[in-house]
All heavy atoms as atom14 arrays in JSON, in Angstrom:
{
  "sequence": "KGMGGGPQNMNAMIRQAQKMQEDIALLQEDLD",
  "atom14_mask": [
    [1, 1, 1, 1, 1, 1, 1, 1, 1, 0, 0, 0, 0, 0],
    [1, 1, 1, 1, 0, 0, 0, 0, 0, 0, 0, 0, 0, 0],
    [1, 1, 1, 1, 1, 1, 1, 1, 0, 0, 0, 0, 0, 0],
    [1, 1, 1, 1, 0, 0, 0, 0, 0, 0, 0, 0, 0, 0],
    [1, 1, 1, 1, 0, 0, 0, 0, 0, 0, 0, 0, 0, 0],
    [1, 1, 1, 1, 0, 0, 0, 0, 0, 0, 0, 0, 0, 0],
    [1, 1, 1, 1, 1, 1, 1, 0, 0, 0, 0, 0, 0, 0],
    [1, 1, 1, 1, 1, 1, 1, 1, 1, 0, 0, 0, 0, 0],
    [1, 1, 1, 1, 1, 1, 1, 1, 0, 0, 0, 0, 0, 0],
    [1, 1, 1, 1, 1, 1, 1, 1, 0, 0, 0, 0, 0, 0],
    [1, 1, 1, 1, 1, 1, 1, 1, 0, 0, 0, 0, 0, 0],
    [1, 1, 1, 1, 1, 0, 0, 0, 0, 0, 0, 0, 0, 0],
    [1, 1, 1, 1, 1, 1, 1, 1, 0, 0, 0, 0, 0, 0],
    [1, 1, 1, 1, 1, 1, 1, 1, 0, 0, 0, 0, 0, 0],
    [1, 1, 1, 1, 1, 1, 1, 1, 1, 1, 1, 0, 0, 0],
    [1, 1, 1, 1, 1, 1, 1, 1, 1, 0, 0, 0, 0, 0],
    [1, 1, 1, 1, 1, 0, 0, 0, 0, 0, 0, 0, 0, 0],
    [1, 1, 1, 1, 1, 1, 1, 1, 1, 0, 0, 0, 0, 0],
    [1, 1, 1, 1, 1, 1, 1, 1, 1, 0, 0, 0, 0, 0],
    [1, 1, 1, 1, 1, 1, 1, 1, 0, 0, 0, 0, 0, 0],
    [1, 1, 1, 1, 1, 1, 1, 1, 1, 0, 0, 0, 0, 0],
    [1, 1, 1, 1, 1, 1, 1, 1, 1, 0, 0, 0, 0, 0],
    [1, 1, 1, 1, 1, 1, 1, 1, 0, 0, 0, 0, 0, 0],
    [1, 1, 1, 1, 1, 1, 1, 1, 0, 0, 0, 0, 0, 0],
    [1, 1, 1, 1, 1, 0, 0, 0, 0, 0, 0, 0, 0, 0],
    [1, 1, 1, 1, 1, 1, 1, 1, 0, 0, 0, 0, 0, 0],
    [1, 1, 1, 1, 1, 1, 1, 1, 0, 0, 0, 0, 0, 0],
    [1, 1, 1, 1, 1, 1, 1, 1, 1, 0, 0, 0, 0, 0],
    [1, 1, 1, 1, 1, 1, 1, 1, 1, 0, 0, 0, 0, 0],
    [1, 1, 1, 1, 1, 1, 1, 1, 0, 0, 0, 0, 0, 0],
    [1, 1, 1, 1, 1, 1, 1, 1, 0, 0, 0, 0, 0, 0],
    [1, 1, 1, 1, 1, 1, 1, 1, 0, 0, 0, 0, 0, 0]
  ],
  "atom14_positions": [
    [[46.31, 60.47, 96.41], [47.35, 59.58, 96.93], [48.61, 59.72, 96.07], [48.54, 59.76, 94.85], [46.86, 58.15, 96.91], [47.66, 57.25, 97.82], [46.86, 56.01, 98.13], [47.54, 55.2, 99.18], [47.03, 55.36, 100.48], [0.0, 0.0, 0.0], [0.0, 0.0, 0.0], [0.0, 0.0, 0.0], [0.0, 0.0, 0.0], [0.0, 0.0, 0.0]],
    [[49.74, 59.78, 96.7], [51.01, 59.91, 95.98], [51.42, 61.36, 95.8], [52.54, 61.64, 95.39], [0.0, 0.0, 0.0], [0.0, 0.0, 0.0], [0.0, 0.0, 0.0], [0.0, 0.0, 0.0], [0.0, 0.0, 0.0], [0.0, 0.0, 0.0], [0.0, 0.0, 0.0], [0.0, 0.0, 0.0], [0.0, 0.0, 0.0], [0.0, 0.0, 0.0]],
    [[50.53, 62.29, 96.06], [50.87, 63.71, 95.97], [51.14, 64.19, 97.39], [50.44, 63.83, 98.31], [49.71, 64.51, 95.38], [49.31, 64.06, 93.98], [50.58, 64.35, 92.78], [50.27, 66.04, 92.4], [0.0, 0.0, 0.0], [0.0, 0.0, 0.0], [0.0, 0.0, 0.0], [0.0, 0.0, 0.0], [0.0, 0.0, 0.0], [0.0, 0.0, 0.0]],
    [[52.1, 65.03, 97.54], [52.43, 65.49, 98.89], [53.28, 64.45, 99.58], [54.48, 64.45, 99.48], [0.0, 0.0, 0.0], [0.0, 0.0, 0.0], [0.0, 0.0, 0.0], [0.0, 0.0, 0.0], [0.0, 0.0, 0.0], [0.0, 0.0, 0.0], [0.0, 0.0, 0.0], [0.0, 0.0, 0.0], [0.0, 0.0, 0.0], [0.0, 0.0, 0.0]],
    [[52.68, 63.53, 100.24], [53.37, 62.38, 100.79], [54.17, 62.64, 102.04], [54.77, 61.72, 102.58], [0.0, 0.0, 0.0], [0.0, 0.0, 0.0], [0.0, 0.0, 0.0], [0.0, 0.0, 0.0], [0.0, 0.0, 0.0], [0.0, 0.0, 0.0], [0.0, 0.0, 0.0], [0.0, 0.0, 0.0], [0.0, 0.0, 0.0], [0.0, 0.0, 0.0]],
    [[54.23, 63.84, 102.5], [54.93, 64.11, 103.75], [56.43, 64.08, 103.61], [56.99, 64.18, 102.53], [0.0, 0.0, 0.0], [0.0, 0.0, 0.0], [0.0, 0.0, 0.0], [0.0, 0.0, 0.0], [0.0, 0.0, 0.0], [0.0, 0.0, 0.0], [0.0, 0.0, 0.0], [0.0, 0.0, 0.0], [0.0, 0.0, 0.0], [0.0, 0.0, 0.0]],
    [[57.11, 63.93, 104.76], [58.58, 64.02, 104.8], [59.28, 62.95, 103.98], [60.34, 63.2, 103.42], [58.92, 63.88, 106.28], [57.64, 63.89, 107.03], [56.52, 63.77, 106.06], [0.0, 0.0, 0.0], [0.0, 0.0, 0.0], [0.0, 0.0, 0.0], [0.0, 0.0, 0.0], [0.0, 0.0, 0.0], [0.0, 0.0, 0.0], [0.0, 0.0, 0.0]],
    [[58.71, 61.76, 103.91], [59.38, 60.69, 103.14], [59.48, 61.06, 101.67], [60.51, 60.87, 101.05], [58.65, 59.36, 103.31], [58.81, 58.76, 104.68], [58.01, 57.49, 104.83], [56.98, 57.32, 104.21], [58.51, 56.6, 105.67], [0.0, 0.0, 0.0], [0.0, 0.0, 0.0], [0.0, 0.0, 0.0], [0.0, 0.0, 0.0], [0.0, 0.0, 0.0]],
    [[58.38, 61.58, 101.13], [58.38, 61.97, 99.72], [59.34, 63.14, 99.5], [60.04, 63.19, 98.5], [56.96, 62.32, 99.28], [56.84, 62.36, 97.77], [57.65, 61.77, 97.06], [55.84, 63.04, 97.28], [0.0, 0.0, 0.0], [0.0, 0.0, 0.0], [0.0, 0.0, 0.0], [0.0, 0.0, 0.0], [0.0, 0.0, 0.0], [0.0, 0.0, 0.0]],
    [[59.37, 64.08, 100.42], [60.27, 65.24, 100.31], [61.72, 64.77, 100.36], [62.56, 65.23, 99.58], [59.99, 66.25, 101.42], [60.86, 67.49, 101.32], [60.67, 68.37, 99.77], [59.31, 69.41, 100.17], [0.0, 0.0, 0.0], [0.0, 0.0, 0.0], [0.0, 0.0, 0.0], [0.0, 0.0, 0.0], [0.0, 0.0, 0.0], [0.0, 0.0, 0.0]],
    [[62.04, 63.85, 101.25], [63.41, 63.32, 101.34], [63.8, 62.61, 100.05], [64.93, 62.73, 99.59], [63.54, 62.38, 102.54], [63.54, 63.11, 103.85], [63.83, 64.3, 103.91], [63.19, 62.41, 104.93], [0.0, 0.0, 0.0], [0.0, 0.0, 0.0], [0.0, 0.0, 0.0], [0.0, 0.0, 0.0], [0.0, 0.0, 0.0], [0.0, 0.0, 0.0]],
    [[62.87, 61.87, 99.47], [63.15, 61.17, 98.21], [63.42, 62.19, 97.1], [64.33, 61.99, 96.29], [61.99, 60.26, 97.83], [0.0, 0.0, 0.0], [0.0, 0.0, 0.0], [0.0, 0.0, 0.0], [0.0, 0.0, 0.0], [0.0, 0.0, 0.0], [0.0, 0.0, 0.0], [0.0, 0.0, 0.0], [0.0, 0.0, 0.0], [0.0, 0.0, 0.0]],
    [[62.65, 63.25, 97.07], [62.86, 64.29, 96.06], [64.21, 64.97, 96.25], [64.92, 65.25, 95.28], [61.74, 65.33, 96.11], [60.43, 64.82, 95.54], [59.04, 65.97, 95.72], [59.72, 67.53, 95.27], [0.0, 0.0, 0.0], [0.0, 0.0, 0.0], [0.0, 0.0, 0.0], [0.0, 0.0, 0.0], [0.0, 0.0, 0.0], [0.0, 0.0, 0.0]],
    [[64.58, 65.23, 97.49], [65.88, 65.86, 97.78], [67.01, 64.93, 97.35], [67.98, 65.37, 96.74], [65.97, 66.24, 99.27], [65.03, 67.41, 99.56], [67.41, 66.6, 99.65], [64.88, 67.74, 101.03], [0.0, 0.0, 0.0], [0.0, 0.0, 0.0], [0.0, 0.0, 0.0], [0.0, 0.0, 0.0], [0.0, 0.0, 0.0], [0.0, 0.0, 0.0]],
    [[66.89, 63.64, 97.67], [67.92, 62.67, 97.26], [68.04, 62.62, 95.73], [69.14, 62.56, 95.18], [67.63, 61.28, 97.83], [68.02, 61.12, 99.28], [68.01, 59.65, 99.72], [66.72, 59.0, 99.53], [65.69, 59.06, 100.37], [65.81, 59.75, 101.49], [64.56, 58.43, 100.12], [0.0, 0.0, 0.0], [0.0, 0.0, 0.0], [0.0, 0.0, 0.0]],
    [[66.89, 62.63, 95.07], [66.89, 62.59, 93.61], [67.57, 63.84, 93.04], [68.36, 63.75, 92.1], [65.46, 62.46, 93.09], [65.38, 62.28, 91.59], [63.94, 62.09, 91.13], [62.99, 62.26, 91.88], [63.79, 61.76, 89.87], [0.0, 0.0, 0.0], [0.0, 0.0, 0.0], [0.0, 0.0, 0.0], [0.0, 0.0, 0.0], [0.0, 0.0, 0.0]],
    [[67.27, 64.99, 93.61], [67.89, 66.24, 93.15], [69.4, 66.23, 93.4], [70.18, 66.66, 92.55], [67.24, 67.44, 93.85], [0.0, 0.0, 0.0], [0.0, 0.0, 0.0], [0.0, 0.0, 0.0], [0.0, 0.0, 0.0], [0.0, 0.0, 0.0], [0.0, 0.0, 0.0], [0.0, 0.0, 0.0], [0.0, 0.0, 0.0], [0.0, 0.0, 0.0]],
    [[69.82, 65.71, 94.55], [71.25, 65.63, 94.86], [71.95, 64.68, 93.9], [73.06, 64.96, 93.43], [71.46, 65.17, 96.3], [71.1, 66.24, 97.32], [71.1, 65.72, 98.75], [70.9, 64.53, 99.01], [71.3, 66.63, 99.7], [0.0, 0.0, 0.0], [0.0, 0.0, 0.0], [0.0, 0.0, 0.0], [0.0, 0.0, 0.0], [0.0, 0.0, 0.0]],
    [[71.31, 63.57, 93.56], [71.89, 62.6, 92.62], [72.04, 63.26, 91.25], [73.08, 63.12, 90.6], [70.98, 61.36, 92.53], [71.34, 60.39, 91.42], [72.53, 59.53, 91.79], [72.71, 58.39, 90.81], [73.72, 58.62, 89.8], [0.0, 0.0, 0.0], [0.0, 0.0, 0.0], [0.0, 0.0, 0.0], [0.0, 0.0, 0.0], [0.0, 0.0, 0.0]],
    [[71.0, 63.99, 90.83], [71.08, 64.66, 89.53], [72.19, 65.7, 89.55], [72.94, 65.84, 88.58], [69.75, 65.32, 89.17], [69.77, 65.95, 87.78], [68.21, 66.68, 87.28], [67.29, 65.21, 86.86], [0.0, 0.0, 0.0], [0.0, 0.0, 0.0], [0.0, 0.0, 0.0], [0.0, 0.0, 0.0], [0.0, 0.0, 0.0], [0.0, 0.0, 0.0]],
    [[72.34, 66.42, 90.64], [73.4, 67.42, 90.76], [74.77, 66.76, 90.66], [75.67, 67.27, 89.98], [73.24, 68.16, 92.08], [73.97, 69.47, 92.14], [73.56, 70.29, 93.36], [73.03, 69.77, 94.33], [73.82, 71.58, 93.3], [0.0, 0.0, 0.0], [0.0, 0.0, 0.0], [0.0, 0.0, 0.0], [0.0, 0.0, 0.0], [0.0, 0.0, 0.0]],
    [[74.95, 65.61, 91.3], [76.21, 64.87, 91.21], [76.46, 64.39, 89.79], [77.58, 64.49, 89.28], [76.2, 63.68, 92.17], [76.25, 64.06, 93.63], [75.96, 62.88, 94.57], [75.84, 61.73, 94.09], [75.85, 63.12, 95.79], [0.0, 0.0, 0.0], [0.0, 0.0, 0.0], [0.0, 0.0, 0.0], [0.0, 0.0, 0.0], [0.0, 0.0, 0.0]],
    [[75.41, 63.87, 89.14], [75.55, 63.41, 87.76], [75.92, 64.56, 86.83], [76.74, 64.4, 85.93], [74.24, 62.75, 87.28], [73.96, 61.43, 87.97], [74.86, 60.88, 88.64], [72.81, 60.94, 87.85], [0.0, 0.0, 0.0], [0.0, 0.0, 0.0], [0.0, 0.0, 0.0], [0.0, 0.0, 0.0], [0.0, 0.0, 0.0], [0.0, 0.0, 0.0]],
    [[75.32, 65.72, 87.04], [75.63, 66.89, 86.22], [77.08, 67.31, 86.42], [77.79, 67.63, 85.47], [74.66, 68.04, 86.53], [73.28, 67.72, 85.96], [75.18, 69.37, 85.99], [72.19, 68.69, 86.37], [0.0, 0.0, 0.0], [0.0, 0.0, 0.0], [0.0, 0.0, 0.0], [0.0, 0.0, 0.0], [0.0, 0.0, 0.0], [0.0, 0.0, 0.0]],
    [[77.56, 67.29, 87.66], [78.95, 67.66, 87.94], [79.92, 66.7, 87.24], [80.92, 67.13, 86.65], [79.2, 67.69, 89.44], [0.0, 0.0, 0.0], [0.0, 0.0, 0.0], [0.0, 0.0, 0.0], [0.0, 0.0, 0.0], [0.0, 0.0, 0.0], [0.0, 0.0, 0.0], [0.0, 0.0, 0.0], [0.0, 0.0, 0.0], [0.0, 0.0, 0.0]],
    [[79.6, 65.4, 87.29], [80.47, 64.41, 86.62], [80.44, 64.61, 85.1], [81.48, 64.54, 84.45], [80.02, 62.99, 86.97], [80.33, 62.53, 88.38], [79.68, 61.17, 88.67], [81.84, 62.44, 88.6], [0.0, 0.0, 0.0], [0.0, 0.0, 0.0], [0.0, 0.0, 0.0], [0.0, 0.0, 0.0], [0.0, 0.0, 0.0], [0.0, 0.0, 0.0]],
    [[79.26, 64.84, 84.56], [79.15, 65.07, 83.12], [79.91, 66.32, 82.72], [80.64, 66.33, 81.73], [77.68, 65.16, 82.69], [77.45, 65.48, 81.21], [78.1, 64.42, 80.31], [75.96, 65.59, 80.92], [0.0, 0.0, 0.0], [0.0, 0.0, 0.0], [0.0, 0.0, 0.0], [0.0, 0.0, 0.0], [0.0, 0.0, 0.0], [0.0, 0.0, 0.0]],
    [[79.78, 67.4, 83.5], [80.48, 68.64, 83.18], [81.99, 68.43, 83.19], [82.7, 68.95, 82.33], [80.08, 69.77, 84.15], [80.61, 71.11, 83.73], [80.06, 71.55, 82.38], [78.86, 71.64, 82.21], [80.93, 71.81, 81.42], [0.0, 0.0, 0.0], [0.0, 0.0, 0.0], [0.0, 0.0, 0.0], [0.0, 0.0, 0.0], [0.0, 0.0, 0.0]],
    [[82.46, 67.64, 84.13], [83.89, 67.32, 84.19], [84.32, 66.59, 82.93], [85.36, 66.89, 82.34], [84.15, 66.47, 85.44], [85.6, 66.31, 85.81], [85.76, 65.56, 87.11], [85.15, 65.97, 88.12], [86.48, 64.54, 87.1], [0.0, 0.0, 0.0], [0.0, 0.0, 0.0], [0.0, 0.0, 0.0], [0.0, 0.0, 0.0], [0.0, 0.0, 0.0]],
    [[83.51, 65.62, 82.49], [83.8, 64.87, 81.26], [83.77, 65.8, 80.05], [84.67, 65.75, 79.2], [82.79, 63.73, 81.09], [82.96, 63.01, 79.77], [84.08, 62.56, 79.46], [81.95, 62.91, 79.02], [0.0, 0.0, 0.0], [0.0, 0.0, 0.0], [0.0, 0.0, 0.0], [0.0, 0.0, 0.0], [0.0, 0.0, 0.0], [0.0, 0.0, 0.0]],
    [[82.75, 66.64, 79.97], [82.63, 67.55, 78.83], [83.8, 68.53, 78.78], [84.32, 68.83, 77.7], [81.31, 68.32, 78.91], [80.05, 67.51, 78.68], [78.81, 68.34, 79.0], [79.97, 66.96, 77.27], [0.0, 0.0, 0.0], [0.0, 0.0, 0.0], [0.0, 0.0, 0.0], [0.0, 0.0, 0.0], [0.0, 0.0, 0.0], [0.0, 0.0, 0.0]],
    [[84.24, 69.02, 79.93], [85.37, 69.96, 79.98], [86.66, 69.31, 79.48], [87.51, 69.98, 78.9], [85.58, 70.48, 81.4], [84.51, 71.47, 81.83], [83.71, 71.91, 80.98], [84.46, 71.78, 83.04], [0.0, 0.0, 0.0], [0.0, 0.0, 0.0], [0.0, 0.0, 0.0], [0.0, 0.0, 0.0], [0.0, 0.0, 0.0], [0.0, 0.0, 0.0]]
  ]
}
């Protein structure tokens, strides 16, 4: 249970990855 999880879990992982990508872009802008 909790592994795999179907489309909902995949969507959550995609959202989390997108959020991290946005955070990295903001941090890189600050660092630059």
